[in-house]
Amino acid sequence: MRQVACAVLVRDGRVLLGKRSPHRRSYPNCWDVIGGHLEPGETPEEALVRELREEVGLTPTAFRQFGELPEPHPERYGPARLHFFVVTAWDGGEPAMLGDEHTELRWFDVEVACALPELAAESYRALFRSLDAVTPVDS
C-alpha cells in the first residue's frame, strides 16, 4: 500500500495549501497540503522533510505527526495511508513553488480553508479544525 507524508504548515492561525496543477494525475486543480509518496526505505518523517524541500524549498525544524487517514478516494487513486504532520517552524524563508506540482501557494485561515469547494479531501476539514488542539509544536 502506498504511504504518503502530508505537511500542514501552520503560521499565525493559517494553513498553507497548494493548488495542484491541472496535469497532475491525483487531485488536479484541487487545494491540497504539501507532501508526497514515501520512497522505498524512507520513513514518513524523512519523506516529509524531502517533500517540503522539493516542493516549496523549506526544511521543517518543528513538527510532529498528528493524524493518519486512509486515501479518501481509493477507487480512483488506489489504497494509501496518509501521514499528517503539523509543521510550525522551518528554515528557508517563505514557501516558494518549485517544479510544476502546483500553480499557486496560499495561506488560508482555517475556516476559509475548510470552506474551499476545491479542497482535495472532505476529511481535511475536520483535520484542519483540530489544529488548535495540537499547536504549538516545541522546537
N, C-alpha and C. Protein backbone atom coordinates (compact mmCIF):
# COMPACT_ATOMS: atom_id res chain seq x y z
N MET A 1 0.85 -1.19 0.00
CA MET A 1 0.00 0.00 0.00
C MET A 1 0.89 1.24 0.00
N ARG A 2 0.50 2.21 -0.79
CA ARG A 2 1.24 3.48 -0.83
C ARG A 2 1.15 4.18 0.52
N GLN A 3 2.23 4.84 0.88
CA GLN A 3 2.29 5.66 2.09
C GLN A 3 2.62 7.08 1.64
N VAL A 4 1.96 8.06 2.25
CA VAL A 4 2.11 9.45 1.84
C VAL A 4 2.36 10.32 3.08
N ALA A 5 3.37 11.18 3.00
CA ALA A 5 3.64 12.16 4.06
C ALA A 5 2.98 13.48 3.67
N CYS A 6 2.22 14.07 4.59
CA CYS A 6 1.46 15.29 4.33
C CYS A 6 1.82 16.36 5.35
N ALA A 7 2.27 17.51 4.88
CA ALA A 7 2.67 18.61 5.75
C ALA A 7 1.56 19.64 5.84
N VAL A 8 1.14 19.93 7.06
CA VAL A 8 0.20 21.03 7.29
C VAL A 8 1.01 22.13 7.96
N LEU A 9 1.50 23.06 7.14
CA LEU A 9 2.26 24.18 7.67
C LEU A 9 1.29 25.17 8.30
N VAL A 10 1.61 25.60 9.52
CA VAL A 10 0.74 26.50 10.28
C VAL A 10 1.54 27.72 10.70
N ARG A 11 0.94 28.90 10.44
CA ARG A 11 1.56 30.16 10.86
C ARG A 11 0.46 31.17 11.14
N ASP A 12 0.48 31.75 12.32
CA ASP A 12 -0.49 32.80 12.68
C ASP A 12 -1.93 32.35 12.47
N GLY A 13 -2.23 31.09 12.83
CA GLY A 13 -3.59 30.59 12.70
C GLY A 13 -4.02 30.26 11.28
N ARG A 14 -3.07 30.27 10.36
CA ARG A 14 -3.39 29.97 8.96
C ARG A 14 -2.63 28.72 8.51
N VAL A 15 -3.16 28.07 7.49
CA VAL A 15 -2.51 26.88 6.92
C VAL A 15 -2.11 27.15 5.48
N LEU A 16 -1.01 26.54 5.07
CA LEU A 16 -0.53 26.68 3.70
C LEU A 16 -1.09 25.56 2.85
N LEU A 17 -1.71 25.92 1.75
CA LEU A 17 -2.21 24.94 0.79
C LEU A 17 -1.66 25.27 -0.59
N GLY A 18 -1.51 24.23 -1.40
CA GLY A 18 -1.07 24.41 -2.77
C GLY A 18 -2.18 23.98 -3.71
N LYS A 19 -2.39 24.75 -4.76
CA LYS A 19 -3.37 24.39 -5.80
C LYS A 19 -2.65 23.46 -6.78
N ARG A 20 -3.08 22.22 -6.83
CA ARG A 20 -2.42 21.23 -7.66
C ARG A 20 -2.63 21.55 -9.15
N SER A 21 -1.58 21.35 -9.91
CA SER A 21 -1.62 21.65 -11.34
C SER A 21 -2.66 20.79 -12.05
N PRO A 22 -3.25 21.31 -13.12
CA PRO A 22 -4.29 20.58 -13.84
C PRO A 22 -3.81 19.29 -14.48
N HIS A 23 -2.51 19.16 -14.72
CA HIS A 23 -1.98 17.94 -15.36
C HIS A 23 -1.66 16.83 -14.35
N ARG A 24 -1.80 17.09 -13.05
CA ARG A 24 -1.48 16.07 -12.05
C ARG A 24 -2.49 14.93 -12.11
N ARG A 25 -2.00 13.72 -11.97
CA ARG A 25 -2.87 12.53 -12.03
C ARG A 25 -3.79 12.48 -10.82
N SER A 26 -3.27 12.82 -9.64
CA SER A 26 -4.07 12.80 -8.42
C SER A 26 -4.51 14.22 -8.05
N TYR A 27 -5.79 14.38 -7.83
CA TYR A 27 -6.37 15.63 -7.34
C TYR A 27 -5.99 16.86 -8.16
N PRO A 28 -6.14 16.82 -9.48
CA PRO A 28 -5.83 18.00 -10.29
C PRO A 28 -6.77 19.16 -9.94
N ASN A 29 -6.23 20.37 -9.98
CA ASN A 29 -6.99 21.61 -9.72
C ASN A 29 -7.60 21.67 -8.33
N CYS A 30 -7.07 20.92 -7.39
CA CYS A 30 -7.59 20.94 -6.01
C CYS A 30 -6.57 21.60 -5.08
N TRP A 31 -7.09 22.24 -4.04
CA TRP A 31 -6.23 22.75 -2.97
C TRP A 31 -5.86 21.57 -2.08
N ASP A 32 -4.57 21.42 -1.81
CA ASP A 32 -4.08 20.27 -1.07
C ASP A 32 -2.93 20.70 -0.15
N VAL A 33 -2.63 19.84 0.81
CA VAL A 33 -1.46 20.06 1.65
C VAL A 33 -0.22 19.70 0.84
N ILE A 34 0.94 20.08 1.33
CA ILE A 34 2.19 19.79 0.65
C ILE A 34 2.64 18.39 1.10
N GLY A 35 3.10 17.59 0.16
CA GLY A 35 3.57 16.27 0.54
C GLY A 35 3.67 15.34 -0.64
N GLY A 36 3.94 14.07 -0.33
CA GLY A 36 4.06 13.10 -1.40
C GLY A 36 4.38 11.72 -0.89
N HIS A 37 4.54 10.81 -1.83
CA HIS A 37 4.74 9.39 -1.53
C HIS A 37 6.09 9.12 -0.90
N LEU A 38 6.12 8.17 0.00
CA LEU A 38 7.37 7.70 0.57
C LEU A 38 8.13 6.90 -0.48
N GLU A 39 9.43 7.10 -0.51
CA GLU A 39 10.29 6.31 -1.38
C GLU A 39 10.67 5.04 -0.63
N PRO A 40 11.12 3.99 -1.34
CA PRO A 40 11.48 2.74 -0.67
C PRO A 40 12.50 2.96 0.45
N GLY A 41 12.20 2.42 1.63
CA GLY A 41 13.08 2.53 2.78
C GLY A 41 12.97 3.84 3.54
N GLU A 42 12.13 4.74 3.11
CA GLU A 42 12.00 6.07 3.71
C GLU A 42 10.92 6.05 4.79
N THR A 43 11.16 6.74 5.90
CA THR A 43 10.14 6.89 6.94
C THR A 43 9.22 8.05 6.56
N PRO A 44 8.04 8.13 7.17
CA PRO A 44 7.18 9.29 6.91
C PRO A 44 7.88 10.61 7.25
N GLU A 45 8.65 10.64 8.32
CA GLU A 45 9.36 11.86 8.70
C GLU A 45 10.39 12.25 7.65
N GLU A 46 11.13 11.28 7.13
CA GLU A 46 12.12 11.57 6.09
C GLU A 46 11.44 12.06 4.81
N ALA A 47 10.32 11.45 4.47
CA ALA A 47 9.57 11.89 3.29
C ALA A 47 9.04 13.31 3.48
N LEU A 48 8.57 13.62 4.68
CA LEU A 48 8.09 14.97 4.97
C LEU A 48 9.18 16.00 4.67
N VAL A 49 10.38 15.77 5.20
CA VAL A 49 11.49 16.70 5.01
C VAL A 49 11.83 16.80 3.52
N ARG A 50 11.95 15.68 2.84
CA ARG A 50 12.29 15.69 1.42
C ARG A 50 11.24 16.41 0.59
N GLU A 51 9.96 16.09 0.82
CA GLU A 51 8.88 16.70 0.03
C GLU A 51 8.81 18.21 0.24
N LEU A 52 8.97 18.67 1.47
CA LEU A 52 8.94 20.12 1.70
C LEU A 52 10.10 20.82 0.99
N ARG A 53 11.27 20.19 1.01
CA ARG A 53 12.41 20.78 0.29
C ARG A 53 12.14 20.82 -1.21
N GLU A 54 11.64 19.70 -1.76
CA GLU A 54 11.43 19.61 -3.20
C GLU A 54 10.31 20.51 -3.71
N GLU A 55 9.22 20.61 -2.94
CA GLU A 55 8.04 21.31 -3.45
C GLU A 55 7.99 22.79 -3.11
N VAL A 56 8.49 23.17 -1.90
CA VAL A 56 8.38 24.58 -1.50
C VAL A 56 9.68 25.18 -0.95
N GLY A 57 10.78 24.42 -1.00
CA GLY A 57 12.08 24.96 -0.62
C GLY A 57 12.29 25.19 0.87
N LEU A 58 11.57 24.46 1.71
CA LEU A 58 11.67 24.64 3.16
C LEU A 58 12.21 23.37 3.83
N THR A 59 12.89 23.56 4.97
CA THR A 59 13.32 22.45 5.80
C THR A 59 12.60 22.58 7.14
N PRO A 60 11.71 21.64 7.47
CA PRO A 60 10.98 21.75 8.74
C PRO A 60 11.92 21.58 9.93
N THR A 61 11.73 22.43 10.95
CA THR A 61 12.54 22.35 12.16
C THR A 61 11.69 22.04 13.40
N ALA A 62 10.39 22.22 13.32
CA ALA A 62 9.47 21.87 14.43
C ALA A 62 8.22 21.26 13.82
N PHE A 63 8.06 19.95 14.06
CA PHE A 63 6.91 19.25 13.50
C PHE A 63 6.63 18.01 14.32
N ARG A 64 5.39 17.54 14.21
CA ARG A 64 5.05 16.25 14.79
C ARG A 64 3.85 15.68 14.07
N GLN A 65 3.79 14.36 14.08
CA GLN A 65 2.67 13.68 13.44
C GLN A 65 1.42 13.94 14.27
N PHE A 66 0.31 14.24 13.59
CA PHE A 66 -0.91 14.47 14.34
C PHE A 66 -2.12 13.77 13.76
N GLY A 67 -1.89 12.86 12.85
CA GLY A 67 -3.03 12.10 12.36
C GLY A 67 -2.67 11.25 11.17
N GLU A 68 -3.49 10.23 10.96
CA GLU A 68 -3.39 9.37 9.79
C GLU A 68 -4.78 9.17 9.23
N LEU A 69 -4.87 9.13 7.93
CA LEU A 69 -6.15 8.89 7.26
C LEU A 69 -5.92 7.94 6.10
N PRO A 70 -6.93 7.16 5.75
CA PRO A 70 -6.83 6.37 4.52
C PRO A 70 -7.03 7.29 3.32
N GLU A 71 -6.57 6.85 2.16
CA GLU A 71 -6.80 7.58 0.92
C GLU A 71 -8.30 7.84 0.79
N PRO A 72 -8.71 9.11 0.63
CA PRO A 72 -10.14 9.43 0.56
C PRO A 72 -10.87 8.83 -0.65
N HIS A 73 -10.15 8.58 -1.74
CA HIS A 73 -10.78 8.06 -2.97
C HIS A 73 -9.99 6.86 -3.49
N PRO A 74 -9.98 5.75 -2.74
CA PRO A 74 -9.18 4.60 -3.20
C PRO A 74 -9.67 4.01 -4.52
N GLU A 75 -10.95 4.19 -4.81
CA GLU A 75 -11.47 3.67 -6.08
C GLU A 75 -10.87 4.41 -7.27
N ARG A 76 -10.45 5.64 -7.06
CA ARG A 76 -9.89 6.46 -8.13
C ARG A 76 -8.36 6.43 -8.14
N TYR A 77 -7.75 6.47 -6.93
CA TYR A 77 -6.30 6.63 -6.82
C TYR A 77 -5.59 5.43 -6.21
N GLY A 78 -6.32 4.41 -5.81
CA GLY A 78 -5.72 3.25 -5.18
C GLY A 78 -5.60 3.43 -3.68
N PRO A 79 -5.40 2.35 -2.95
CA PRO A 79 -5.31 2.44 -1.49
C PRO A 79 -4.01 3.13 -1.07
N ALA A 80 -4.08 3.90 -0.01
CA ALA A 80 -2.91 4.58 0.54
C ALA A 80 -3.19 4.96 1.98
N ARG A 81 -2.13 5.21 2.71
CA ARG A 81 -2.21 5.71 4.08
C ARG A 81 -1.56 7.08 4.10
N LEU A 82 -2.28 8.10 4.55
CA LEU A 82 -1.77 9.47 4.61
C LEU A 82 -1.32 9.78 6.03
N HIS A 83 -0.07 10.16 6.19
CA HIS A 83 0.52 10.51 7.49
C HIS A 83 0.61 12.04 7.56
N PHE A 84 -0.17 12.65 8.44
CA PHE A 84 -0.20 14.10 8.55
C PHE A 84 0.72 14.60 9.65
N PHE A 85 1.44 15.67 9.34
CA PHE A 85 2.34 16.32 10.29
C PHE A 85 1.98 17.79 10.36
N VAL A 86 1.88 18.32 11.58
CA VAL A 86 1.74 19.75 11.74
C VAL A 86 3.16 20.31 11.82
N VAL A 87 3.42 21.33 11.01
CA VAL A 87 4.75 21.94 10.92
C VAL A 87 4.59 23.40 11.31
N THR A 88 5.29 23.80 12.38
CA THR A 88 5.14 25.17 12.87
C THR A 88 6.40 26.01 12.78
N ALA A 89 7.52 25.41 12.38
CA ALA A 89 8.75 26.17 12.19
C ALA A 89 9.57 25.50 11.10
N TRP A 90 10.31 26.33 10.36
CA TRP A 90 11.09 25.83 9.23
C TRP A 90 12.19 26.81 8.90
N ASP A 91 13.20 26.32 8.20
CA ASP A 91 14.25 27.14 7.63
C ASP A 91 13.97 27.28 6.14
N GLY A 92 14.39 28.40 5.58
CA GLY A 92 14.23 28.60 4.14
C GLY A 92 13.36 29.77 3.77
N GLY A 93 12.86 30.52 4.77
CA GLY A 93 12.07 31.71 4.46
C GLY A 93 10.64 31.39 4.08
N GLU A 94 10.13 32.14 3.12
CA GLU A 94 8.76 31.95 2.65
C GLU A 94 8.68 30.74 1.73
N PRO A 95 7.61 29.99 1.80
CA PRO A 95 7.44 28.89 0.85
C PRO A 95 7.41 29.42 -0.58
N ALA A 96 8.02 28.69 -1.49
CA ALA A 96 8.06 29.08 -2.90
C ALA A 96 7.71 27.86 -3.75
N MET A 97 6.99 28.07 -4.83
CA MET A 97 6.66 26.96 -5.72
C MET A 97 7.91 26.53 -6.47
N LEU A 98 8.25 25.27 -6.32
CA LEU A 98 9.36 24.68 -7.06
C LEU A 98 8.79 23.57 -7.93
N GLY A 99 9.25 23.46 -9.14
CA GLY A 99 8.71 22.44 -10.03
C GLY A 99 7.33 22.82 -10.54
N ASP A 100 6.60 21.81 -11.01
CA ASP A 100 5.32 22.09 -11.64
C ASP A 100 4.14 21.40 -10.94
N GLU A 101 4.34 20.99 -9.69
CA GLU A 101 3.26 20.29 -8.99
C GLU A 101 2.09 21.21 -8.67
N HIS A 102 2.38 22.48 -8.39
CA HIS A 102 1.34 23.44 -8.00
C HIS A 102 1.33 24.64 -8.94
N THR A 103 0.16 25.26 -9.05
CA THR A 103 0.05 26.51 -9.80
C THR A 103 -0.04 27.71 -8.88
N GLU A 104 -0.26 27.45 -7.58
CA GLU A 104 -0.39 28.54 -6.61
C GLU A 104 -0.17 28.00 -5.21
N LEU A 105 0.44 28.81 -4.35
CA LEU A 105 0.54 28.54 -2.91
C LEU A 105 -0.16 29.68 -2.21
N ARG A 106 -0.91 29.36 -1.15
CA ARG A 106 -1.62 30.43 -0.44
C ARG A 106 -1.85 30.03 1.01
N TRP A 107 -1.74 31.03 1.89
CA TRP A 107 -2.07 30.85 3.31
C TRP A 107 -3.56 31.12 3.48
N PHE A 108 -4.25 30.23 4.20
CA PHE A 108 -5.68 30.35 4.44
C PHE A 108 -5.98 30.30 5.94
N ASP A 109 -6.91 31.15 6.39
CA ASP A 109 -7.47 30.95 7.72
C ASP A 109 -8.12 29.57 7.70
N VAL A 110 -8.12 28.90 8.85
CA VAL A 110 -8.63 27.52 8.90
C VAL A 110 -10.06 27.44 8.37
N GLU A 111 -10.94 28.33 8.80
CA GLU A 111 -12.33 28.24 8.36
C GLU A 111 -12.49 28.51 6.86
N VAL A 112 -11.65 29.39 6.33
CA VAL A 112 -11.69 29.64 4.89
C VAL A 112 -11.20 28.39 4.14
N ALA A 113 -10.13 27.77 4.64
CA ALA A 113 -9.64 26.52 4.03
C ALA A 113 -10.72 25.45 4.07
N CYS A 114 -11.41 25.35 5.18
CA CYS A 114 -12.46 24.34 5.33
C CYS A 114 -13.63 24.58 4.39
N ALA A 115 -13.83 25.82 3.97
CA ALA A 115 -14.95 26.16 3.09
C ALA A 115 -14.60 26.05 1.61
N LEU A 116 -13.36 25.75 1.28
CA LEU A 116 -12.97 25.67 -0.13
C LEU A 116 -13.71 24.53 -0.82
N PRO A 117 -14.41 24.81 -1.91
CA PRO A 117 -15.10 23.73 -2.63
C PRO A 117 -14.11 22.81 -3.35
N GLU A 118 -12.93 23.31 -3.67
CA GLU A 118 -11.93 22.51 -4.39
C GLU A 118 -10.93 21.86 -3.46
N LEU A 119 -11.27 21.66 -2.20
CA LEU A 119 -10.37 21.01 -1.25
C LEU A 119 -10.20 19.55 -1.66
N ALA A 120 -8.97 19.05 -1.63
CA ALA A 120 -8.67 17.71 -2.13
C ALA A 120 -9.48 16.61 -1.43
N ALA A 121 -9.73 16.76 -0.14
CA ALA A 121 -10.44 15.70 0.59
C ALA A 121 -11.38 16.30 1.62
N GLU A 122 -12.57 15.79 1.67
CA GLU A 122 -13.56 16.22 2.67
C GLU A 122 -13.02 16.04 4.08
N SER A 123 -12.25 14.98 4.30
CA SER A 123 -11.72 14.68 5.64
C SER A 123 -10.73 15.74 6.14
N TYR A 124 -10.18 16.56 5.24
CA TYR A 124 -9.28 17.63 5.66
C TYR A 124 -9.97 18.64 6.56
N ARG A 125 -11.25 18.86 6.35
CA ARG A 125 -11.97 19.89 7.12
C ARG A 125 -11.87 19.62 8.62
N ALA A 126 -12.16 18.42 9.06
CA ALA A 126 -12.07 18.08 10.49
C ALA A 126 -10.62 18.12 10.95
N LEU A 127 -9.72 17.69 10.10
CA LEU A 127 -8.30 17.69 10.45
C LEU A 127 -7.82 19.13 10.69
N PHE A 128 -8.15 20.04 9.79
CA PHE A 128 -7.75 21.44 9.95
C PHE A 128 -8.36 22.04 11.21
N ARG A 129 -9.62 21.73 11.48
CA ARG A 129 -10.28 22.29 12.66
C ARG A 129 -9.66 21.76 13.96
N SER A 130 -9.00 20.62 13.90
CA SER A 130 -8.36 20.05 15.10
C SER A 130 -6.99 20.66 15.38
N LEU A 131 -6.52 21.54 14.52
CA LEU A 131 -5.18 22.10 14.69
C LEU A 131 -5.00 22.84 16.00
N ASP A 132 -6.02 23.50 16.50
CA ASP A 132 -5.89 24.24 17.76
C ASP A 132 -5.48 23.32 18.90
N ALA A 133 -5.88 22.06 18.84
CA ALA A 133 -5.57 21.12 19.90
C ALA A 133 -4.12 20.63 19.85
N VAL A 134 -3.43 20.81 18.72
CA VAL A 134 -2.08 20.27 18.58
C VAL A 134 -1.00 21.32 18.45
N THR A 135 -1.32 22.58 18.28
CA THR A 135 -0.29 23.60 18.14
C THR A 135 -0.17 24.36 19.44
N PRO A 136 0.95 24.94 19.78
CA PRO A 136 2.19 24.95 19.01
C PRO A 136 3.03 23.70 19.24
N VAL A 137 3.98 23.49 18.34
CA VAL A 137 4.96 22.43 18.47
C VAL A 137 6.23 23.05 19.01
N ASP A 138 6.81 22.42 19.98
CA ASP A 138 8.07 22.94 20.51
C ASP A 138 9.20 22.68 19.54
N SER A 139 10.10 23.64 19.42
CA SER A 139 11.27 23.48 18.53
C SER A 139 12.29 22.56 19.16
